[in-house]
Structure formats: C-alpha cells, structure tokens
C-alpha cells in the first residue's frame, strides 16, 4: 500500500499502484439508493424571444446576433455546391448513407 505524505513526489511507481487499485475496483461497498428526484422543468422560448424555465425569464436570447451579409451565390454551379457539401458534411460522416 502506498502512503502519501506532504511533500511526496508523484512517481510512475506510485501512479501505477494507484491505477492498479482502480482497475481492481478497490472501492467501498455501494451506498443505499437515494429517493426519486422531482421532475424538472423543460426550458421554452417565450414570446419575448428569451429562454424561460417555468415562470422565470432567464434573460438569455434564444437567437444569436445577426450575422454579416453573405456573398451572392450567383454564378455557382450545382457541381460546386455538391462538392462543397461533400467536403463539409459527408466526408466527415461516420454512418452510412
């Protein structure tokens, strides 16, 4: 068993012993189950555009600030659009499609 003292250095040997203890699940017995918790409140967007929780207005806007005007898409071909989608989205997709 490793006993730590004030001023001790963290060494590989001591870290290995610590990790072995965790891997061997050297923990105390499980505690009793707690009582069921109360149902929470689902946040919603109020008429003023803020996030609300119950009757509390959080003051946080549900929309971000208006962005800069984008460049015109005129003159862009469908092939360029499909290539951009492929590069930005589909190439990073890990599922099947």
C-alpha atoms as a PDB file:
ATOM      1  CA  UNK A   1       0.000   0.000   0.000  1.00  0.00           C
ATOM      2  CA  UNK A   2       1.272   3.474  -0.869  1.00  0.00           C
ATOM      3  CA  UNK A   3       1.056   6.010   1.937  1.00  0.00           C
ATOM      4  CA  UNK A   4       1.278   9.622   0.842  1.00  0.00           C
ATOM      5  CA  UNK A   5       2.955  12.282   2.951  1.00  0.00           C
ATOM      6  CA  UNK A   6       3.000  16.044   2.459  1.00  0.00           C
ATOM      7  CA  UNK A   7       5.768  16.941   0.029  1.00  0.00           C
ATOM      8  CA  UNK A   8       5.867  13.486  -1.647  1.00  0.00           C
ATOM      9  CA  UNK A   9       6.586  13.409  -5.372  1.00  0.00           C
ATOM     10  CA  UNK A  10       4.297  11.777  -7.866  1.00  0.00           C
ATOM     11  CA  UNK A  11       6.289   8.922  -9.373  1.00  0.00           C
ATOM     12  CA  UNK A  12       5.452   6.382 -12.065  1.00  0.00           C
ATOM     13  CA  UNK A  13       5.567   3.635  -9.433  1.00  0.00           C
ATOM     14  CA  UNK A  14       3.016   5.381  -7.229  1.00  0.00           C
ATOM     15  CA  UNK A  15       0.763   6.216 -10.192  1.00  0.00           C
ATOM     16  CA  UNK A  16       0.908   2.574 -11.340  1.00  0.00           C
ATOM     17  CA  UNK A  17      -0.125   1.392  -7.876  1.00  0.00           C
ATOM     18  CA  UNK A  18      -2.991   3.891  -7.891  1.00  0.00           C
ATOM     19  CA  UNK A  19      -4.171   2.759 -11.332  1.00  0.00           C
ATOM     20  CA  UNK A  20      -3.920  -0.915 -10.349  1.00  0.00           C
ATOM     21  CA  UNK A  21      -6.105  -0.238  -7.337  1.00  0.00           C
ATOM     22  CA  UNK A  22      -8.727   1.435  -9.514  1.00  0.00           C
ATOM     23  CA  UNK A  23      -8.529  -1.398 -12.086  1.00  0.00           C
ATOM     24  CA  UNK A  24      -9.068  -3.941  -9.287  1.00  0.00           C
ATOM     25  CA  UNK A  25     -12.133  -1.964  -8.194  1.00  0.00           C
ATOM     26  CA  UNK A  26     -10.767  -1.412  -4.723  1.00  0.00           C
ATOM     27  CA  UNK A  27     -13.640   0.732  -3.624  1.00  0.00           C
ATOM     28  CA  UNK A  28     -16.003   0.684  -0.705  1.00  0.00           C
ATOM     29  CA  UNK A  29     -19.382  -1.022  -0.753  1.00  0.00           C
ATOM     30  CA  UNK A  30     -22.159   0.685  -2.700  1.00  0.00           C
ATOM     31  CA  UNK A  31     -24.371   3.033  -0.777  1.00  0.00           C
ATOM     32  CA  UNK A  32     -28.148   2.908  -0.491  1.00  0.00           C
ATOM     33  CA  UNK A  33     -30.234   4.193  -3.373  1.00  0.00           C
ATOM     34  CA  UNK A  34     -31.464   7.729  -2.945  1.00  0.00           C
ATOM     35  CA  UNK A  35     -35.062   8.864  -3.106  1.00  0.00           C
ATOM     36  CA  UNK A  36     -36.524   9.624  -6.535  1.00  0.00           C
ATOM     37  CA  UNK A  37     -35.979  13.208  -7.606  1.00  0.00           C
ATOM     38  CA  UNK A  38     -38.632  15.694  -8.618  1.00  0.00           C
ATOM     39  CA  UNK A  39     -39.420  16.163 -12.292  1.00  0.00           C
ATOM     40  CA  UNK A  40     -37.564  19.109 -13.792  1.00  0.00           C
ATOM     41  CA  UNK A  41     -38.945  21.936 -15.875  1.00  0.00           C
ATOM     42  CA  UNK A  42     -38.442  21.984 -19.611  1.00  0.00           C
ATOM     43  CA  UNK A  43     -36.999  25.274 -20.880  1.00  0.00           C
ATOM     44  CA  UNK A  44     -39.005  27.017 -23.594  1.00  0.00           C
ATOM     45  CA  UNK A  45     -38.748  30.123 -25.742  1.00  0.00           C
ATOM     46  CA  UNK A  46     -41.080  32.866 -24.507  1.00  0.00           C
ATOM     47  CA  UNK A  47     -42.932  35.479 -26.534  1.00  0.00           C
ATOM     48  CA  UNK A  48     -40.043  37.902 -25.913  1.00  0.00           C
ATOM     49  CA  UNK A  49     -37.559  35.507 -27.600  1.00  0.00           C
ATOM     50  CA  UNK A  50     -35.802  34.602 -24.319  1.00  0.00           C
ATOM     51  CA  UNK A  51     -35.313  31.162 -22.800  1.00  0.00           C
ATOM     52  CA  UNK A  52     -37.728  30.636 -19.909  1.00  0.00           C
ATOM     53  CA  UNK A  53     -37.697  27.968 -17.206  1.00  0.00           C
ATOM     54  CA  UNK A  54     -41.105  27.704 -15.568  1.00  0.00           C
ATOM     55  CA  UNK A  55     -42.142  31.291 -14.831  1.00  0.00           C
ATOM     56  CA  UNK A  56     -38.532  32.558 -14.782  1.00  0.00           C
ATOM     57  CA  UNK A  57     -37.241  34.621 -17.718  1.00  0.00           C
ATOM     58  CA  UNK A  58     -33.517  33.754 -17.939  1.00  0.00           C
ATOM     59  CA  UNK A  59     -32.841  36.906 -19.973  1.00  0.00           C
ATOM     60  CA  UNK A  60     -30.921  34.757 -22.470  1.00  0.00           C
ATOM     61  CA  UNK A  61     -31.921  35.290 -26.080  1.00  0.00           C
ATOM     62  CA  UNK A  62     -32.857  32.131 -27.974  1.00  0.00           C
ATOM     63  CA  UNK A  63     -31.321  33.542 -31.164  1.00  0.00           C
ATOM     64  CA  UNK A  64     -27.808  34.724 -31.812  1.00  0.00           C
ATOM     65  CA  UNK A  65     -26.778  38.102 -33.174  1.00  0.00           C
ATOM     66  CA  UNK A  66     -27.456  38.905 -36.816  1.00  0.00           C
ATOM     67  CA  UNK A  67     -24.546  37.835 -38.972  1.00  0.00           C
ATOM     68  CA  UNK A  68     -22.849  39.686 -41.809  1.00  0.00           C
ATOM     69  CA  UNK A  69     -24.445  39.614 -45.241  1.00  0.00           C
ATOM     70  CA  UNK A  70     -23.103  36.675 -47.237  1.00  0.00           C
ATOM     71  CA  UNK A  71     -21.703  36.730 -50.741  1.00  0.00           C
ATOM     72  CA  UNK A  72     -24.035  36.213 -53.681  1.00  0.00           C
ATOM     73  CA  UNK A  73     -24.349  32.639 -54.894  1.00  0.00           C
ATOM     74  CA  UNK A  74     -24.985  33.672 -58.487  1.00  0.00           C
ATOM     75  CA  UNK A  75     -22.571  32.032 -60.862  1.00  0.00           C
ATOM     76  CA  UNK A  76     -22.044  29.000 -58.618  1.00  0.00           C
ATOM     77  CA  UNK A  77     -22.727  25.721 -60.355  1.00  0.00           C
ATOM     78  CA  UNK A  78     -24.651  22.807 -58.847  1.00  0.00           C
ATOM     79  CA  UNK A  79     -21.469  20.721 -59.090  1.00  0.00           C
ATOM     80  CA  UNK A  80     -19.656  23.267 -56.902  1.00  0.00           C
ATOM     81  CA  UNK A  81     -22.486  23.172 -54.357  1.00  0.00           C
ATOM     82  CA  UNK A  82     -22.457  19.356 -54.269  1.00  0.00           C
ATOM     83  CA  UNK A  83     -18.647  19.309 -53.926  1.00  0.00           C
ATOM     84  CA  UNK A  84     -18.827  21.783 -51.019  1.00  0.00           C
ATOM     85  CA  UNK A  85     -21.490  19.673 -49.275  1.00  0.00           C
ATOM     86  CA  UNK A  86     -19.415  16.549 -49.840  1.00  0.00           C
ATOM     87  CA  UNK A  87     -16.308  18.167 -48.372  1.00  0.00           C
ATOM     88  CA  UNK A  88     -18.023  19.880 -45.427  1.00  0.00           C
ATOM     89  CA  UNK A  89     -20.512  17.251 -44.344  1.00  0.00           C
ATOM     90  CA  UNK A  90     -20.457  13.890 -45.998  1.00  0.00           C
ATOM     91  CA  UNK A  91     -16.687  13.269 -45.861  1.00  0.00           C
ATOM     92  CA  UNK A  92     -16.816  13.535 -42.066  1.00  0.00           C
ATOM     93  CA  UNK A  93     -19.940  11.330 -41.726  1.00  0.00           C
ATOM     94  CA  UNK A  94     -19.195   8.063 -39.935  1.00  0.00           C
ATOM     95  CA  UNK A  95     -22.543   6.405 -40.560  1.00  0.00           C
ATOM     96  CA  UNK A  96     -23.980   5.009 -43.748  1.00  0.00           C
ATOM     97  CA  UNK A  97     -25.964   6.844 -46.393  1.00  0.00           C
END
